[in-house]
PDB file of N, CA and C in Angstrom:
ATOM      1  N   MET A   1     -46.955-185.994  40.269  1.00  0.00           N
ATOM      2  CA  MET A   1     -46.398-184.728  40.973  1.00  0.00           C
ATOM      3  C   MET A   1     -46.541-183.305  39.920  1.00  0.00           C
ATOM      4  N   GLU A   2     -46.987-182.381  40.519  1.00  0.00           N
ATOM      5  CA  GLU A   2     -47.553-181.217  39.633  1.00  0.00           C
ATOM      6  C   GLU A   2     -46.413-180.314  38.834  1.00  0.00           C
ATOM      7  N   LEU A   3     -46.560-180.286  37.877  1.00  0.00           N
ATOM      8  CA  LEU A   3     -45.421-179.185  37.582  1.00  0.00           C
ATOM      9  C   LEU A   3     -45.602-177.871  37.661  1.00  0.00           C
ATOM     10  N   LYS A   4     -44.487-177.080  37.737  1.00  0.00           N
ATOM     11  CA  LYS A   4     -44.595-175.428  38.142  1.00  0.00           C
ATOM     12  C   LYS A   4     -43.298-174.955  37.255  1.00  0.00           C
ATOM     13  N   TRP A   5     -43.702-173.370  36.567  1.00  0.00           N
ATOM     14  CA  TRP A   5     -43.105-173.505  35.427  1.00  0.00           C
ATOM     15  C   TRP A   5     -41.157-173.540  36.056  1.00  0.00           C
ATOM     16  N   THR A   6     -40.733-173.013  37.368  1.00  0.00           N
ATOM     17  CA  THR A   6     -39.390-173.808  37.374  1.00  0.00           C
ATOM     18  C   THR A   6     -39.072-174.915  37.230  1.00  0.00           C
ATOM     19  N   ASP A   7     -40.063-175.925  37.005  1.00  0.00           N
ATOM     20  CA  ASP A   7     -39.471-177.351  36.638  1.00  0.00           C
ATOM     21  C   ASP A   7     -39.502-177.571  35.216  1.00  0.00           C
ATOM     22  N   THR A   8     -38.245-176.658  35.114  1.00  0.00           N
ATOM     23  CA  THR A   8     -37.968-176.713  33.435  1.00  0.00           C
ATOM     24  C   THR A   8     -37.830-177.482  32.480  1.00  0.00           C
ATOM     25  N   ARG A   9     -36.307-178.597  33.199  1.00  0.00           N
ATOM     26  CA  ARG A   9     -36.300-179.863  32.422  1.00  0.00           C
ATOM     27  C   ARG A   9     -37.462-180.882  32.632  1.00  0.00           C
ATOM     28  N   GLU A  10     -38.324-181.402  33.802  1.00  0.00           N
ATOM     29  CA  GLU A  10     -39.344-181.581  33.479  1.00  0.00           C
ATOM     30  C   GLU A  10     -40.177-181.561  32.372  1.00  0.00           C
ATOM     31  N   ILE A  11     -40.460-180.414  32.460  1.00  0.00           N
ATOM     32  CA  ILE A  11     -41.704-179.215  31.501  1.00  0.00           C
ATOM     33  C   ILE A  11     -41.409-179.952  29.981  1.00  0.00           C
ATOM     34  N   ALA A  12     -39.459-180.007  30.185  1.00  0.00           N
ATOM     35  CA  ALA A  12     -38.824-180.038  28.850  1.00  0.00           C
ATOM     36  C   ALA A  12     -38.994-181.545  28.569  1.00  0.00           C
ATOM     37  N   ILE A  13     -39.371-182.622  29.664  1.00  0.00           N
ATOM     38  CA  ILE A  13     -39.321-184.087  29.051  1.00  0.00           C
ATOM     39  C   ILE A  13     -40.840-184.366  28.382  1.00  0.00           C
ATOM     40  N   ALA A  14     -41.321-183.286  29.490  1.00  0.00           N
ATOM     41  CA  ALA A  14     -42.937-183.361  28.975  1.00  0.00           C
ATOM     42  C   ALA A  14     -43.323-183.145  27.761  1.00  0.00           C
ATOM     43  N   LEU A  15     -42.999-182.052  27.117  1.00  0.00           N
ATOM     44  CA  LEU A  15     -42.990-181.061  26.163  1.00  0.00           C
ATOM     45  C   LEU A  15     -42.452-182.304  25.015  1.00  0.00           C
ATOM     46  N   ASP A  16     -41.303-182.865  25.218  1.00  0.00           N
ATOM     47  CA  ASP A  16     -40.932-183.979  24.312  1.00  0.00           C
ATOM     48  C   ASP A  16     -41.272-185.187  23.486  1.00  0.00           C
ATOM     49  N   GLU A  17     -42.363-185.620  24.977  1.00  0.00           N
ATOM     50  CA  GLU A  17     -43.031-186.950  24.960  1.00  0.00           C
ATOM     51  C   GLU A  17     -44.193-186.586  24.319  1.00  0.00           C
ATOM     52  N   ALA A  18     -44.747-185.256  24.436  1.00  0.00           N
ATOM     53  CA  ALA A  18     -46.083-184.722  23.984  1.00  0.00           C
ATOM     54  C   ALA A  18     -46.268-183.742  22.522  1.00  0.00           C
ATOM     55  N   HIS A  19     -44.990-183.640  21.765  1.00  0.00           N
ATOM     56  CA  HIS A  19     -45.041-183.802  20.448  1.00  0.00           C
ATOM     57  C   HIS A  19     -43.367-183.774  20.020  1.00  0.00           C
ATOM     58  N   PRO A  20     -43.162-185.594  19.407  1.00  0.00           N
ATOM     59  CA  PRO A  20     -42.249-185.654  19.152  1.00  0.00           C
ATOM     60  C   PRO A  20     -41.372-185.278  18.184  1.00  0.00           C
ATOM     61  N   LYS A  21     -42.039-184.506  16.907  1.00  0.00           N
ATOM     62  CA  LYS A  21     -42.042-184.140  15.903  1.00  0.00           C
ATOM     63  C   LYS A  21     -41.549-182.611  15.974  1.00  0.00           C
ATOM     64  N   VAL A  22     -41.974-182.226  16.648  1.00  0.00           N
ATOM     65  CA  VAL A  22     -41.710-180.534  16.663  1.00  0.00           C
ATOM     66  C   VAL A  22     -40.174-180.161  16.845  1.00  0.00           C
ATOM     67  N   ASP A  23     -39.545-179.736  16.372  1.00  0.00           N
ATOM     68  CA  ASP A  23     -37.879-178.796  16.273  1.00  0.00           C
ATOM     69  C   ASP A  23     -38.102-177.872  17.657  1.00  0.00           C
ATOM     70  N   PRO A  24     -37.592-177.708  19.101  1.00  0.00           N
ATOM     71  CA  PRO A  24     -38.264-176.898  19.453  1.00  0.00           C
ATOM     72  C   PRO A  24     -36.968-175.611  19.180  1.00  0.00           C
ATOM     73  N   ARG A  25     -36.100-175.622  18.718  1.00  0.00           N
ATOM     74  CA  ARG A  25     -35.019-174.432  18.142  1.00  0.00           C
ATOM     75  C   ARG A  25     -36.400-173.589  17.751  1.00  0.00           C
ATOM     76  N   TYR A  26     -37.303-173.922  16.874  1.00  0.00           N
ATOM     77  CA  TYR A  26     -38.112-172.885  16.113  1.00  0.00           C
ATOM     78  C   TYR A  26     -39.600-172.869  16.230  1.00  0.00           C
ATOM     79  N   LEU A  27     -40.299-173.288  17.797  1.00  0.00           N
ATOM     80  CA  LEU A  27     -40.814-172.151  18.532  1.00  0.00           C
ATOM     81  C   LEU A  27     -41.007-171.570  19.133  1.00  0.00           C
ATOM     82  N   ASN A  28     -42.009-170.344  19.122  1.00  0.00           N
ATOM     83  CA  ASN A  28     -42.238-169.087  19.473  1.00  0.00           C
ATOM     84  C   ASN A  28     -42.591-169.283  20.742  1.00  0.00           C
ATOM     85  N   TYR A  29     -42.462-168.641  21.536  1.00  0.00           N
ATOM     86  CA  TYR A  29     -43.272-168.741  22.866  1.00  0.00           C
ATOM     87  C   TYR A  29     -44.657-168.859  23.314  1.00  0.00           C
ATOM     88  N   VAL A  30     -45.263-167.525  22.585  1.00  0.00           N
ATOM     89  CA  VAL A  30     -46.717-167.814  22.551  1.00  0.00           C
ATOM     90  C   VAL A  30     -46.792-169.318  22.358  1.00  0.00           C
ATOM     91  N   ASP A  31     -46.370-170.443  21.487  1.00  0.00           N
ATOM     92  CA  ASP A  31     -47.160-171.670  21.765  1.00  0.00           C
ATOM     93  C   ASP A  31     -46.968-172.871  22.431  1.00  0.00           C
ATOM     94  N   LEU A  32     -45.092-172.107  22.586  1.00  0.00           N
ATOM     95  CA  LEU A  32     -44.298-172.459  24.011  1.00  0.00           C
ATOM     96  C   LEU A  32     -45.338-172.748  25.204  1.00  0.00           C
ATOM     97  N   ARG A  33     -45.845-171.093  25.460  1.00  0.00           N
ATOM     98  CA  ARG A  33     -46.533-170.743  26.405  1.00  0.00           C
ATOM     99  C   ARG A  33     -47.682-172.417  26.834  1.00  0.00           C
ATOM    100  N   VAL A  34     -48.852-172.120  25.532  1.00  0.00           N
ATOM    101  CA  VAL A  34     -49.707-173.064  25.753  1.00  0.00           C
ATOM    102  C   VAL A  34     -49.312-174.222  25.354  1.00  0.00           C
ATOM    103  N   TRP A  35     -48.376-174.817  24.911  1.00  0.00           N
ATOM    104  CA  TRP A  35     -48.211-176.075  25.189  1.00  0.00           C
ATOM    105  C   TRP A  35     -47.701-176.374  27.126  1.00  0.00           C
ATOM    106  N   VAL A  36     -47.083-175.571  27.134  1.00  0.00           N
ATOM    107  CA  VAL A  36     -46.946-175.908  28.551  1.00  0.00           C
ATOM    108  C   VAL A  36     -48.004-176.299  29.743  1.00  0.00           C
ATOM    109  N   GLU A  37     -49.037-174.898  29.273  1.00  0.00           N
ATOM    110  CA  GLU A  37     -50.463-174.805  29.944  1.00  0.00           C
ATOM    111  C   GLU A  37     -51.145-176.303  30.285  1.00  0.00           C
ATOM    112  N   SER A  38     -50.689-176.729  28.714  1.00  0.00           N
ATOM    113  CA  SER A  38     -51.601-177.826  28.519  1.00  0.00           C
ATOM    114  C   SER A  38     -51.191-178.980  28.580  1.00  0.00           C
ATOM    115  N   LEU A  39     -50.066-179.012  29.219  1.00  0.00           N
ATOM    116  CA  LEU A  39     -49.693-180.628  30.009  1.00  0.00           C
ATOM    117  C   LEU A  39     -50.545-181.108  31.139  1.00  0.00           C
ATOM    118  N   ALA A  40     -51.414-182.201  31.406  1.00  0.00           N
ATOM    119  CA  ALA A  40     -51.809-182.840  31.966  1.00  0.00           C
ATOM    120  C   ALA A  40     -51.408-182.027  33.490  1.00  0.00           C
ATOM    121  N   LYS A  41     -49.911-182.262  33.872  1.00  0.00           N
ATOM    122  CA  LYS A  41     -49.245-182.451  35.209  1.00  0.00           C
ATOM    123  C   LYS A  41     -49.551-181.341  35.579  1.00  0.00           C
ATOM    124  N   PHE A  42     -49.215-180.197  34.431  1.00  0.00           N
ATOM    125  CA  PHE A  42     -48.829-178.823  34.435  1.00  0.00           C
ATOM    126  C   PHE A  42     -50.375-177.698  35.906  1.00  0.00           C
ATOM    127  N   ALA A  43     -49.821-177.424  36.664  1.00  0.00           N
ATOM    128  CA  ALA A  43     -50.616-176.864  37.885  1.00  0.00           C
ATOM    129  C   ALA A  43     -49.779-175.466  38.268  1.00  0.00           C
ATOM    130  N   ASP A  44     -49.781-174.355  38.128  1.00  0.00           N
ATOM    131  CA  ASP A  44     -49.269-173.342  38.349  1.00  0.00           C
ATOM    132  C   ASP A  44     -49.936-171.889  37.690  1.00  0.00           C
ATOM    133  N   ASP A  45     -49.779-171.040  38.106  1.00  0.00           N
ATOM    134  CA  ASP A  45     -50.172-169.477  37.548  1.00  0.00           C
ATOM    135  C   ASP A  45     -49.490-169.002  36.815  1.00  0.00           C
ATOM    136  N   PRO A  46     -49.875-169.120  35.827  1.00  0.00           N
ATOM    137  CA  PRO A  46     -50.063-168.382  34.420  1.00  0.00           C
ATOM    138  C   PRO A  46     -49.089-166.978  34.299  1.00  0.00           C
ATOM    139  N   ALA A  47     -49.470-165.848  35.745  1.00  0.00           N
ATOM    140  CA  ALA A  47     -48.823-165.021  36.180  1.00  0.00           C
ATOM    141  C   ALA A  47     -47.953-165.174  36.264  1.00  0.00           C
ATOM    142  N   ARG A  48     -47.229-166.226  36.386  1.00  0.00           N
ATOM    143  CA  ARG A  48     -45.801-166.644  37.136  1.00  0.00           C
ATOM    144  C   ARG A  48     -44.903-166.621  35.808  1.00  0.00           C
ATOM    145  N   CYS A  49     -45.529-166.673  34.806  1.00  0.00           N
ATOM    146  CA  CYS A  49     -44.407-166.894  33.675  1.00  0.00           C
ATOM    147  C   CYS A  49     -44.391-165.953  32.883  1.00  0.00           C
ATOM    148  N   GLY A  50     -42.567-165.958  32.868  1.00  0.00           N
ATOM    149  CA  GLY A  50     -41.814-164.941  31.714  1.00  0.00           C
ATOM    150  C   GLY A  50     -41.612-165.299  31.188  1.00  0.00           C
ATOM    151  N   GLU A  51     -40.845-164.688  30.017  1.00  0.00           N
ATOM    152  CA  GLU A  51     -39.572-164.402  28.576  1.00  0.00           C
ATOM    153  C   GLU A  51     -38.815-165.639  29.139  1.00  0.00           C
ATOM    154  N   LYS A  52     -37.924-165.178  30.382  1.00  0.00           N
ATOM    155  CA  LYS A  52     -37.135-166.249  31.061  1.00  0.00           C
ATOM    156  C   LYS A  52     -37.167-167.554  31.219  1.00  0.00           C
ATOM    157  N   ILE A  53     -38.462-167.438  31.349  1.00  0.00           N
ATOM    158  CA  ILE A  53     -39.061-169.260  31.992  1.00  0.00           C
ATOM    159  C   ILE A  53     -38.926-169.580  30.373  1.00  0.00           C
ATOM    160  N   LEU A  54     -39.887-169.038  29.371  1.00  0.00           N
ATOM    161  CA  LEU A  54     -40.463-170.182  28.318  1.00  0.00           C
ATOM    162  C   LEU A  54     -38.473-170.233  27.901  1.00  0.00           C
ATOM    163  N   GLU A  55     -37.600-169.516  28.040  1.00  0.00           N
ATOM    164  CA  GLU A  55     -36.161-169.356  27.508  1.00  0.00           C
ATOM    165  C   GLU A  55     -35.807-170.826  28.008  1.00  0.00           C
ATOM    166  N   ALA A  56     -35.852-170.652  29.121  1.00  0.00           N
ATOM    167  CA  ALA A  56     -35.129-171.953  29.992  1.00  0.00           C
ATOM    168  C   ALA A  56     -35.294-173.227  30.236  1.00  0.00           C
ATOM    169  N   ILE A  57     -37.074-173.281  29.286  1.00  0.00           N
ATOM    170  CA  ILE A  57     -37.731-174.450  28.873  1.00  0.00           C
ATOM    171  C   ILE A  57     -37.459-175.130  27.765  1.00  0.00           C
ATOM    172  N   GLN A  58     -37.541-173.660  27.025  1.00  0.00           N
ATOM    173  CA  GLN A  58     -37.390-173.638  24.888  1.00  0.00           C
ATOM    174  C   GLN A  58     -35.770-174.672  25.339  1.00  0.00           C
ATOM    175  N   LEU A  59     -34.824-173.953  25.716  1.00  0.00           N
ATOM    176  CA  LEU A  59     -33.282-174.179  25.974  1.00  0.00           C
ATOM    177  C   LEU A  59     -33.125-176.031  26.588  1.00  0.00           C
ATOM    178  N   ALA A  60     -33.696-176.261  27.603  1.00  0.00           N
ATOM    179  CA  ALA A  60     -34.016-177.377  28.128  1.00  0.00           C
ATOM    180  C   ALA A  60     -34.485-178.480  27.273  1.00  0.00           C
ATOM    181  N   TRP A  61     -35.395-178.071  26.151  1.00  0.00           N
ATOM    182  CA  TRP A  61     -36.144-179.468  25.709  1.00  0.00           C
ATOM    183  C   TRP A  61     -35.023-179.358  24.347  1.00  0.00           C
ATOM    184  N   ILE A  62     -34.350-178.584  23.623  1.00  0.00           N
ATOM    185  CA  ILE A  62     -33.257-178.278  23.025  1.00  0.00           C
ATOM    186  C   ILE A  62     -32.219-179.355  23.455  1.00  0.00           C
ATOM    187  N   GLU A  63     -31.625-179.319  24.645  1.00  0.00           N
ATOM    188  CA  GLU A  63     -31.063-180.452  25.403  1.00  0.00           C
ATOM    189  C   GLU A  63     -31.173-181.477  25.384  1.00  0.00           C
ATOM    190  N   GLU A  64     -32.310-181.731  25.945  1.00  0.00           N
ATOM    191  CA  GLU A  64     -33.057-182.579  25.550  1.00  0.00           C
ATOM    192  C   GLU A  64     -32.953-183.712  24.746  1.00  0.00           C
ATOM    193  N   ARG A  65     -33.411-182.958  23.437  1.00  0.00           N
ATOM    194  CA  ARG A  65     -33.040-183.451  22.323  1.00  0.00           C
ATOM    195  C   ARG A  65     -31.549-183.591  21.667  1.00  0.00           C
ATOM    196  N   GLU A  66     -31.006-183.405  22.292  1.00  0.00           N
ATOM    197  CA  GLU A  66     -29.363-183.265  21.840  1.00  0.00           C
ATOM    198  C   GLU A  66     -28.803-184.754  22.710  1.00  0.00           C
TER     199      GLU A  66
END
């Protein structure tokens, strides 16, 4: 399954597996975007990403950790 920007929960899980030692609360959006785009299963248009999407991904990742 290819990941799209709207797959926030699945992206958060993939990021958590790829970066287990990172605290998502302190990650800036620039790095978050680069990490999402570098996920092997990610396949979406970079132009479709905005701050609200990155915020949703970050919140989902924080919830995944709890």
